[in-house]
Amino acid sequence: MVANYDYTVKYPEDERYHELDPEARVWRVYGDEASAFDNDMVGELGDSLDILLVFAGLFSAVLTTFVAQTSQSLSQDYTQLSASYLSELTMLVRANGNNTAILNIPLTSTAFSPGILDLWVNGLWFTSLVISLSVALFAVLAKQWLRQYLSFTTGTPHEQAYIRQFRFDGLEKWRVQPLIGILPTFLHLALILFLAGLTIFL
């Protein structure tokens, strides 16, 4: 909510023909109104980003636990492979001792192909994790941008007004507010992908 002040009382009236000087009242009034507007805007955006960061952090931590377990199914089980090799070696030693043909002993297969469900689950969960971490990254960058936006400026009221407007135009040009507004949608997408993978997994 923009502050409501009686600026005719707060700031002295400008001398005639000096209404647009660098120290004129109009720039001071603009600075006060812009400061109140900016504080409200940045406060709301900052609160949204804080919520996003907490959710994205917790969600990514939980998802990483799942991914760490299921990603093992994408590679060969070397414990099982070692056991197969030992079994084959034992049969070779016995065959040699019994004068049995070694060619009749089946060889251990090293071919490996992950199951289609394992591929789907891991694909969905890795995609979900990347989206969640990307949202967290963009949220941190946006918070840094907002903090810089409100950083203190020096100079005359006219120069301060110019710098503030330059910063605001930058926010508008880069569509920072709409980008922050769309971040929850990406988190929802990450959650949907996780639930889809969980459904397949179970």
C-alpha atoms as a PDB file:
ATOM      1  CA  MET A   1       0.000   0.000   0.000  1.00  0.00           C
ATOM      2  CA  VAL A   2       1.442   3.341  -1.071  1.00  0.00           C
ATOM      3  CA  ALA A   3       2.082   5.695   1.803  1.00  0.00           C
ATOM      4  CA  ASN A   4      -0.242   8.690   2.084  1.00  0.00           C
ATOM      5  CA  TYR A   5       1.613  11.818   3.160  1.00  0.00           C
ATOM      6  CA  ASP A   6       0.877  15.510   3.055  1.00  0.00           C
ATOM      7  CA  TYR A   7       3.966  16.456   1.114  1.00  0.00           C
ATOM      8  CA  THR A   8       3.097  20.146   1.162  1.00  0.00           C
ATOM      9  CA  VAL A   9       3.815  19.999   4.890  1.00  0.00           C
ATOM     10  CA  LYS A  10       6.684  17.522   4.761  1.00  0.00           C
ATOM     11  CA  TYR A  11       8.733  19.386   2.146  1.00  0.00           C
ATOM     12  CA  PRO A  12       9.008  23.151   1.690  1.00  0.00           C
ATOM     13  CA  GLU A  13       7.577  24.697  -1.447  1.00  0.00           C
ATOM     14  CA  ASP A  14      10.045  25.239  -4.269  1.00  0.00           C
ATOM     15  CA  GLU A  15      10.981  28.693  -5.397  1.00  0.00           C
ATOM     16  CA  ARG A  16       9.355  29.875  -8.575  1.00  0.00           C
ATOM     17  CA  TYR A  17      11.022  28.463 -11.725  1.00  0.00           C
ATOM     18  CA  HIS A  18      12.969  25.963  -9.607  1.00  0.00           C
ATOM     19  CA  GLU A  19      10.256  23.285  -9.467  1.00  0.00           C
ATOM     20  CA  LEU A  20      12.398  20.802 -11.432  1.00  0.00           C
ATOM     21  CA  ASP A  21      15.778  21.479  -9.873  1.00  0.00           C
ATOM     22  CA  PRO A  22      17.747  18.436  -8.636  1.00  0.00           C
ATOM     23  CA  GLU A  23      16.649  19.185  -5.049  1.00  0.00           C
ATOM     24  CA  ALA A  24      13.040  20.051  -5.939  1.00  0.00           C
ATOM     25  CA  ARG A  25      10.087  18.770  -3.961  1.00  0.00           C
ATOM     26  CA  VAL A  26       8.741  16.724  -6.869  1.00  0.00           C
ATOM     27  CA  TRP A  27      11.781  14.419  -6.767  1.00  0.00           C
ATOM     28  CA  ARG A  28      11.529  13.983  -3.012  1.00  0.00           C
ATOM     29  CA  VAL A  29       7.832  13.141  -3.286  1.00  0.00           C
ATOM     30  CA  TYR A  30       8.572  10.710  -6.099  1.00  0.00           C
ATOM     31  CA  GLY A  31      11.287   9.086  -3.992  1.00  0.00           C
ATOM     32  CA  ASP A  32       8.980   8.611  -1.005  1.00  0.00           C
ATOM     33  CA  GLU A  33       6.124   7.212  -3.077  1.00  0.00           C
ATOM     34  CA  ALA A  34       8.428   4.952  -5.088  1.00  0.00           C
ATOM     35  CA  SER A  35      10.115   3.704  -1.909  1.00  0.00           C
ATOM     36  CA  ALA A  36       6.773   2.748  -0.351  1.00  0.00           C
ATOM     37  CA  PHE A  37       5.688   1.020  -3.573  1.00  0.00           C
ATOM     38  CA  ASP A  38       9.010  -0.793  -3.964  1.00  0.00           C
ATOM     39  CA  ASN A  39       9.059  -2.006  -0.358  1.00  0.00           C
ATOM     40  CA  ASP A  40       5.589  -3.526  -0.748  1.00  0.00           C
ATOM     41  CA  MET A  41       6.416  -5.103  -4.116  1.00  0.00           C
ATOM     42  CA  VAL A  42       9.761  -6.541  -3.027  1.00  0.00           C
ATOM     43  CA  GLY A  43       8.273  -7.728   0.273  1.00  0.00           C
ATOM     44  CA  GLU A  44       5.553  -9.728  -1.485  1.00  0.00           C
ATOM     45  CA  LEU A  45       7.942 -11.163  -4.064  1.00  0.00           C
ATOM     46  CA  GLY A  46      10.506 -11.975  -1.379  1.00  0.00           C
ATOM     47  CA  ASP A  47       7.925 -13.844   0.705  1.00  0.00           C
ATOM     48  CA  SER A  48       6.907 -15.900  -2.336  1.00  0.00           C
ATOM     49  CA  LEU A  49      10.535 -16.719  -3.079  1.00  0.00           C
ATOM     50  CA  ASP A  50      11.180 -17.748   0.530  1.00  0.00           C
ATOM     51  CA  ILE A  51       8.289 -20.225   0.386  1.00  0.00           C
ATOM     52  CA  LEU A  52       9.522 -21.566  -2.956  1.00  0.00           C
ATOM     53  CA  LEU A  53      13.057 -22.011  -1.632  1.00  0.00           C
ATOM     54  CA  VAL A  54      11.885 -23.931   1.431  1.00  0.00           C
ATOM     55  CA  PHE A  55       9.636 -26.226  -0.598  1.00  0.00           C
ATOM     56  CA  ALA A  56      12.187 -26.740  -3.388  1.00  0.00           C
ATOM     57  CA  GLY A  57      14.911 -27.526  -0.844  1.00  0.00           C
ATOM     58  CA  LEU A  58      12.860 -30.077   1.081  1.00  0.00           C
ATOM     59  CA  PHE A  59      11.439 -31.622  -2.068  1.00  0.00           C
ATOM     60  CA  SER A  60      14.886 -31.930  -3.662  1.00  0.00           C
ATOM     61  CA  ALA A  61      16.265 -33.579  -0.522  1.00  0.00           C
ATOM     62  CA  VAL A  62      13.476 -36.168  -0.456  1.00  0.00           C
ATOM     63  CA  LEU A  63      13.736 -36.753  -4.196  1.00  0.00           C
ATOM     64  CA  THR A  64      17.508 -37.202  -4.014  1.00  0.00           C
ATOM     65  CA  THR A  65      16.997 -40.041  -1.529  1.00  0.00           C
ATOM     66  CA  PHE A  66      14.668 -41.830  -3.929  1.00  0.00           C
ATOM     67  CA  VAL A  67      16.944 -41.230  -6.918  1.00  0.00           C
ATOM     68  CA  ALA A  68      19.992 -42.527  -5.035  1.00  0.00           C
ATOM     69  CA  GLN A  69      18.184 -45.829  -4.459  1.00  0.00           C
ATOM     70  CA  THR A  70      16.601 -46.321  -7.877  1.00  0.00           C
ATOM     71  CA  SER A  71      19.592 -45.185  -9.940  1.00  0.00           C
ATOM     72  CA  GLN A  72      21.389 -48.370  -8.870  1.00  0.00           C
ATOM     73  CA  SER A  73      18.986 -50.340 -11.049  1.00  0.00           C
ATOM     74  CA  LEU A  74      20.413 -48.595 -14.128  1.00  0.00           C
ATOM     75  CA  SER A  75      23.810 -50.244 -13.725  1.00  0.00           C
ATOM     76  CA  GLN A  76      24.848 -53.851 -13.462  1.00  0.00           C
ATOM     77  CA  ASP A  77      24.881 -55.507 -10.053  1.00  0.00           C
ATOM     78  CA  TYR A  78      28.603 -56.154  -9.694  1.00  0.00           C
ATOM     79  CA  THR A  79      28.090 -58.234  -6.556  1.00  0.00           C
ATOM     80  CA  GLN A  80      25.914 -60.634  -8.526  1.00  0.00           C
ATOM     81  CA  LEU A  81      28.364 -60.537 -11.428  1.00  0.00           C
ATOM     82  CA  SER A  82      31.276 -61.402  -9.104  1.00  0.00           C
ATOM     83  CA  ALA A  83      29.294 -64.303  -7.657  1.00  0.00           C
ATOM     84  CA  SER A  84      28.597 -65.584 -11.188  1.00  0.00           C
ATOM     85  CA  TYR A  85      32.277 -65.369 -12.095  1.00  0.00           C
ATOM     86  CA  LEU A  86      33.249 -67.240  -8.919  1.00  0.00           C
ATOM     87  CA  SER A  87      30.689 -69.930  -9.704  1.00  0.00           C
ATOM     88  CA  GLU A  88      32.046 -70.232 -13.245  1.00  0.00           C
ATOM     89  CA  LEU A  89      35.624 -70.407 -11.920  1.00  0.00           C
ATOM     90  CA  THR A  90      34.621 -73.152  -9.472  1.00  0.00           C
ATOM     91  CA  MET A  91      33.030 -75.172 -12.280  1.00  0.00           C
ATOM     92  CA  LEU A  92      36.173 -74.731 -14.401  1.00  0.00           C
ATOM     93  CA  VAL A  93      38.382 -76.014 -11.562  1.00  0.00           C
ATOM     94  CA  ARG A  94      36.085 -79.020 -11.020  1.00  0.00           C
ATOM     95  CA  ALA A  95      35.940 -79.734 -14.733  1.00  0.00           C
ATOM     96  CA  ASN A  96      39.711 -79.654 -14.912  1.00  0.00           C
ATOM     97  CA  GLY A  97      39.957 -82.027 -11.948  1.00  0.00           C
ATOM     98  CA  ASN A  98      37.372 -84.449 -13.411  1.00  0.00           C
ATOM     99  CA  ASN A  99      38.794 -84.317 -16.932  1.00  0.00           C
ATOM    100  CA  THR A 100      35.465 -82.914 -18.120  1.00  0.00           C
ATOM    101  CA  ALA A 101      35.288 -80.822 -21.299  1.00  0.00           C
ATOM    102  CA  ILE A 102      35.636 -77.177 -20.375  1.00  0.00           C
ATOM    103  CA  LEU A 103      33.593 -76.125 -23.426  1.00  0.00           C
ATOM    104  CA  ASN A 104      30.450 -77.602 -21.806  1.00  0.00           C
ATOM    105  CA  ILE A 105      30.587 -75.089 -18.935  1.00  0.00           C
ATOM    106  CA  PRO A 106      28.260 -72.117 -19.539  1.00  0.00           C
ATOM    107  CA  LEU A 107      29.987 -68.746 -19.614  1.00  0.00           C
ATOM    108  CA  THR A 108      28.821 -65.890 -17.434  1.00  0.00           C
ATOM    109  CA  SER A 109      26.966 -63.301 -19.497  1.00  0.00           C
ATOM    110  CA  THR A 110      28.132 -59.721 -19.033  1.00  0.00           C
ATOM    111  CA  ALA A 111      25.358 -58.234 -21.153  1.00  0.00           C
ATOM    112  CA  PHE A 112      23.152 -55.863 -19.177  1.00  0.00           C
ATOM    113  CA  SER A 113      20.031 -53.931 -20.080  1.00  0.00           C
ATOM    114  CA  PRO A 114      17.974 -52.040 -17.485  1.00  0.00           C
ATOM    115  CA  GLY A 115      14.261 -52.723 -17.361  1.00  0.00           C
ATOM    116  CA  ILE A 116      11.836 -50.375 -19.099  1.00  0.00           C
ATOM    117  CA  LEU A 117      10.132 -49.511 -15.799  1.00  0.00           C
ATOM    118  CA  ASP A 118      13.488 -48.652 -14.237  1.00  0.00           C
ATOM    119  CA  LEU A 119      14.216 -46.334 -17.157  1.00  0.00           C
ATOM    120  CA  TRP A 120      10.843 -44.613 -16.813  1.00  0.00           C
ATOM    121  CA  VAL A 121      11.053 -44.179 -13.048  1.00  0.00           C
ATOM    122  CA  ASN A 122      14.578 -42.806 -13.135  1.00  0.00           C
ATOM    123  CA  GLY A 123      13.823 -40.604 -16.135  1.00  0.00           C
ATOM    124  CA  LEU A 124      10.816 -39.047 -14.407  1.00  0.00           C
ATOM    125  CA  TRP A 125      12.599 -38.591 -11.089  1.00  0.00           C
ATOM    126  CA  PHE A 126      15.804 -37.163 -12.556  1.00  0.00           C
ATOM    127  CA  THR A 127      13.742 -34.712 -14.626  1.00  0.00           C
ATOM    128  CA  SER A 128      11.780 -33.751 -11.525  1.00  0.00           C
ATOM    129  CA  LEU A 129      15.007 -33.214  -9.575  1.00  0.00           C
ATOM    130  CA  VAL A 130      16.513 -31.024 -12.306  1.00  0.00           C
ATOM    131  CA  ILE A 131      13.369 -28.883 -12.443  1.00  0.00           C
ATOM    132  CA  SER A 132      13.257 -28.527  -8.655  1.00  0.00           C
ATOM    133  CA  LEU A 133      16.924 -27.524  -8.418  1.00  0.00           C
ATOM    134  CA  SER A 134      16.490 -25.094 -11.327  1.00  0.00           C
ATOM    135  CA  VAL A 135      13.582 -23.427  -9.531  1.00  0.00           C
ATOM    136  CA  ALA A 136      15.736 -23.089  -6.409  1.00  0.00           C
ATOM    137  CA  LEU A 137      18.561 -21.555  -8.469  1.00  0.00           C
ATOM    138  CA  PHE A 138      16.278 -19.022 -10.153  1.00  0.00           C
ATOM    139  CA  ALA A 139      14.679 -18.173  -6.798  1.00  0.00           C
ATOM    140  CA  VAL A 140      18.094 -17.407  -5.294  1.00  0.00           C
ATOM    141  CA  LEU A 141      19.029 -15.268  -8.307  1.00  0.00           C
ATOM    142  CA  ALA A 142      15.721 -13.402  -8.066  1.00  0.00           C
ATOM    143  CA  LYS A 143      16.242 -12.718  -4.356  1.00  0.00           C
ATOM    144  CA  GLN A 144      19.690 -11.297  -5.096  1.00  0.00           C
ATOM    145  CA  TRP A 145      18.204  -9.130  -7.845  1.00  0.00           C
ATOM    146  CA  LEU A 146      15.504  -7.816  -5.512  1.00  0.00           C
ATOM    147  CA  ARG A 147      18.039  -7.074  -2.785  1.00  0.00           C
ATOM    148  CA  GLN A 148      20.131  -5.122  -5.296  1.00  0.00           C
ATOM    149  CA  TYR A 149      16.993  -3.323  -6.481  1.00  0.00           C
ATOM    150  CA  LEU A 150      16.417  -1.906  -2.993  1.00  0.00           C
ATOM    151  CA  SER A 151      20.069  -1.104  -2.320  1.00  0.00           C
ATOM    152  CA  PHE A 152      20.852   2.416  -1.118  1.00  0.00           C
ATOM    153  CA  THR A 153      21.536   5.109  -3.702  1.00  0.00           C
ATOM    154  CA  THR A 154      23.394   8.373  -3.212  1.00  0.00           C
ATOM    155  CA  GLY A 155      23.123  11.704  -4.956  1.00  0.00           C
ATOM    156  CA  THR A 156      20.482  14.379  -5.285  1.00  0.00           C
ATOM    157  CA  PRO A 157      16.786  13.450  -5.123  1.00  0.00           C
ATOM    158  CA  HIS A 158      16.669  13.823  -8.914  1.00  0.00           C
ATOM    159  CA  GLU A 159      19.579  11.377  -9.361  1.00  0.00           C
ATOM    160  CA  GLN A 160      18.037   8.947  -6.891  1.00  0.00           C
ATOM    161  CA  ALA A 161      14.730   9.085  -8.782  1.00  0.00           C
ATOM    162  CA  TYR A 162      16.554   8.436 -12.053  1.00  0.00           C
ATOM    163  CA  ILE A 163      18.443   5.449 -10.617  1.00  0.00           C
ATOM    164  CA  ARG A 164      15.265   4.003  -9.098  1.00  0.00           C
ATOM    165  CA  GLN A 165      13.404   4.319 -12.405  1.00  0.00           C
ATOM    166  CA  PHE A 166      16.334   2.744 -14.236  1.00  0.00           C
ATOM    167  CA  ARG A 167      16.209  -0.238 -11.872  1.00  0.00           C
ATOM    168  CA  PHE A 168      12.434  -0.536 -12.171  1.00  0.00           C
ATOM    169  CA  ASP A 169      12.653  -0.446 -15.969  1.00  0.00           C
ATOM    170  CA  GLY A 170      15.205  -3.262 -15.726  1.00  0.00           C
ATOM    171  CA  LEU A 171      12.769  -5.366 -13.690  1.00  0.00           C
ATOM    172  CA  GLU A 172      10.071  -4.727 -16.279  1.00  0.00           C
ATOM    173  CA  LYS A 173      12.366  -5.384 -19.237  1.00  0.00           C
ATOM    174  CA  TRP A 174      13.532  -8.727 -17.862  1.00  0.00           C
ATOM    175  CA  ARG A 175       9.987  -9.597 -16.709  1.00  0.00           C
ATOM    176  CA  VAL A 176      11.188 -10.482 -13.239  1.00  0.00           C
ATOM    177  CA  GLN A 177       7.719 -10.427 -11.650  1.00  0.00           C
ATOM    178  CA  PRO A 178       6.103 -12.757 -14.237  1.00  0.00           C
ATOM    179  CA  LEU A 179       9.117 -15.086 -14.032  1.00  0.00           C
ATOM    180  CA  ILE A 180       8.801 -15.270 -10.249  1.00  0.00           C
ATOM    181  CA  GLY A 181       5.084 -15.877 -10.692  1.00  0.00           C
ATOM    182  CA  ILE A 182       5.671 -18.856 -12.981  1.00  0.00           C
ATOM    183  CA  LEU A 183       8.178 -20.613 -10.699  1.00  0.00           C
ATOM    184  CA  PRO A 184       5.434 -22.351  -8.637  1.00  0.00           C
ATOM    185  CA  THR A 185       4.101 -23.866 -11.871  1.00  0.00           C
ATOM    186  CA  PHE A 186       7.461 -25.523 -12.487  1.00  0.00           C
ATOM    187  CA  LEU A 187       7.486 -26.850  -8.918  1.00  0.00           C
ATOM    188  CA  HIS A 188       4.011 -28.290  -9.503  1.00  0.00           C
ATOM    189  CA  LEU A 189       5.315 -29.945 -12.668  1.00  0.00           C
ATOM    190  CA  ALA A 190       8.244 -31.427 -10.724  1.00  0.00           C
ATOM    191  CA  LEU A 191       5.837 -32.786  -8.109  1.00  0.00           C
ATOM    192  CA  ILE A 192       3.586 -34.321 -10.790  1.00  0.00           C
ATOM    193  CA  LEU A 193       6.584 -36.024 -12.417  1.00  0.00           C
ATOM    194  CA  PHE A 194       7.677 -37.372  -9.039  1.00  0.00           C
ATOM    195  CA  LEU A 195       4.206 -38.759  -8.319  1.00  0.00           C
ATOM    196  CA  ALA A 196       4.049 -40.322 -11.793  1.00  0.00           C
ATOM    197  CA  GLY A 197       7.386 -42.030 -11.168  1.00  0.00           C
ATOM    198  CA  LEU A 198       6.247 -43.120  -7.715  1.00  0.00           C
ATOM    199  CA  THR A 199       3.115 -44.683  -9.215  1.00  0.00           C
ATOM    200  CA  ILE A 200       5.231 -46.699 -11.649  1.00  0.00           C
ATOM    201  CA  PHE A 201       7.724 -47.591  -8.919  1.00  0.00           C
ATOM    202  CA  LEU A 202       5.031 -48.960  -6.614  1.00  0.00           C
END
